[in-house]
Amino acid sequence: MTTPPESSNQGREENTFADAPVENGDSPSEESISRFAGPVSLATLISRVAGFFRDLLIAKFFGAAMMADAFFVAFAIPNLFRRMFMEGALSSSFLPVYSDVREQSGTKEANKFAGGMLVFLVFAGSAGCAIGIWFADPLMRALAPGFSSNPEKLNLAAQLTKIMFPFIIFIGLWAVAAGMLNAARRFFVPALAPALQNVVIIVALLLAGYWVSSAEAIRWLAWAVVIGGAVQFFFQLPFMAKLRILPVPSIPWRVEGVGRCLALMGPAALGGAIFQINVLVDRWLASFLAEGSISYLYYANRLVQLPHGILSLAVVSAVLPVLSDHAAKNRVNSESVDSERNAILEAGRLTLFITTPSTFGLMVLAHPIMEVIFERGAFTENHTAASAAALQAYAVGLMFFGVTRLLAGVFHARLNTSFPVRCANIAVLTNVVLSVALMFPLGFIGLALATSCASALNAVLLLRGILREWSNFPKQELARSLSRLLALGVLTGLLTYFLHLQIWDAQGSSLLKSLLLMLEVSLAACFYTFMAKKIDASSYESWCRFTRLAWRKS
């Protein structure tokens, strides 16, 4: 990397926000992943609650029939671009390079780098949007070939795709803004921004559901996705201006770091979006199955993403900028090795503490959860049973979803994106093979189960790679926590199952079922937390720090 003429001291003076107090008021030397993840978790919880209300309205108005299937497939395309090239690849490559430029050249150069990335993404996103709209019809035939037997569904999916493609432009702008705020240790606002998109969609659904026909309402829903994406980006600008970290628009090829970031984005795109690619494969194959299969997988995926998004992804979002900073310092003077190890250890313990009980809880309570949340209007009892079965299959891989993102983040912070992409390639191929093998005997349930198995393989491959390259990885501590928490998770799941058999009232009202479900979840959570304090105090203490800051932030 070329260093500007300014001295290193001057570069450090320019770094006005890198040494600013973090959100909880602690100094950078006292950084804690649990503290950073707390605000992310709270903001994501708000977004996911709004997202569930959004999905509840979609289920109420469209059920699991033709229009719902068409929308979910159409939305999968811009959503995949978002996860691969914006949220996944951009966050994984932007943050390490941004931290590196800021560490070596100062804040002004880092802001120019961010501006160069912003300009590039606007032009690249616009080009991709134009191509996607032009080729929407053949693209839909390729991604949902099973729709060919129903021309009305195929045409509707293509129309919705054309409407929603501009979403990728705004989500690219949001990702750059979120990366800069995260680098400044401001996690709450970027994590809260997606909630605004859900609010826009909810308003559109409420208006369209009562003012226009279903055929027109589904188009309102697609337009709301695009408008919500724009709102996400503009919401962050005032907070960036307050911190004086606005991007400085620059010509991309004349700015330090842009080329390096783009080179890292390619491999990171696949490695960071492995789960979404597998979900897209599921929907592609599900288009050959009975009508409603795509919707069952979507609703199940939304529920399994609740603990994954609110908790385990919050941990990954918090640990990546910390690891990126430590890795940048290590490349200069190798002074942050222990800090890097401690950050990974705490993030790993938190991820295991969160995903282990969630895995068994979703498997045991899949049916009542689906029933309480979605069973109303056009969403029938049969839809509940089918979606619950898909949820149980996805829940098998919940722990691996979180671990995969964390381990891939370790590689990305060290500017190594080639190994995660090799692991992702193997995982995607495995998912395709298993999906084809399992979809015939098990239908859409086999597709969800194949995704879980592929994610497990990806996590194992990433872990093997880390253990080969990094002797200081906290493998013994994490293995100890895993064995203890896994045993406790199994016990908690069994007790919850027997409790459900005793108190559940299948003929009760919706209000009674909701109260009983909350009681079961609360008792299971209390038991798990109480026992975790006894058998794995370190993970429990990380969880307490995590929840304290989330509560304080609220």
Foldseek 3Di string as FASTA:
>chain_A
DDEDPDDLVVLVVQQVLLQPAAPVRDGPVPDALLLLLQLLLLLLLLLLVLVLVLVQLCCQQPNLFLLVLLLLLLVLVLVLCLQQQAQFLLLLLLLLLLLLCSNRHHLVLSLQLLQQQLVVLLVVLVVVLVVCLVCLLVVLCQLQVLCVVPVVSSVLSSVLNNLQSSLNSLSNLLRSLQSLCVLSNNNNLSSNLSSQLSVLLSVLSVCCSPPHDSSVSSSSNSNSSNVSSNSSNVSSVVVCVVVVSHHDNDNNVVGPRSVLSVVSSVLSSLLRCLLSLLLSLLSNVLSNPDRSLNVLLVVLVSVLCSLVSSFLVSSLSNLLSVLSNLLSVCVVPNPCPVVNQVSLLLSLLRLLLRLQLVLLVLLQCLLLVLCLSHDHNNHHSVSSVSSSLLNNLLSLQSSLVSLSSSLCSNCSSNVHSPQSSVLSVVLSVQLNVQLVVQCVVPNSSSSSNSSSVSSNSSSVSSVVVCVVPPVSHPVVLSVQSNVVLNVLSVVLSVVLNVVCVPPPDPPDDSVVSVVSVVVSVVVSVVSSLVVCCVRPVSSSVSVVSNNVSSVVVD
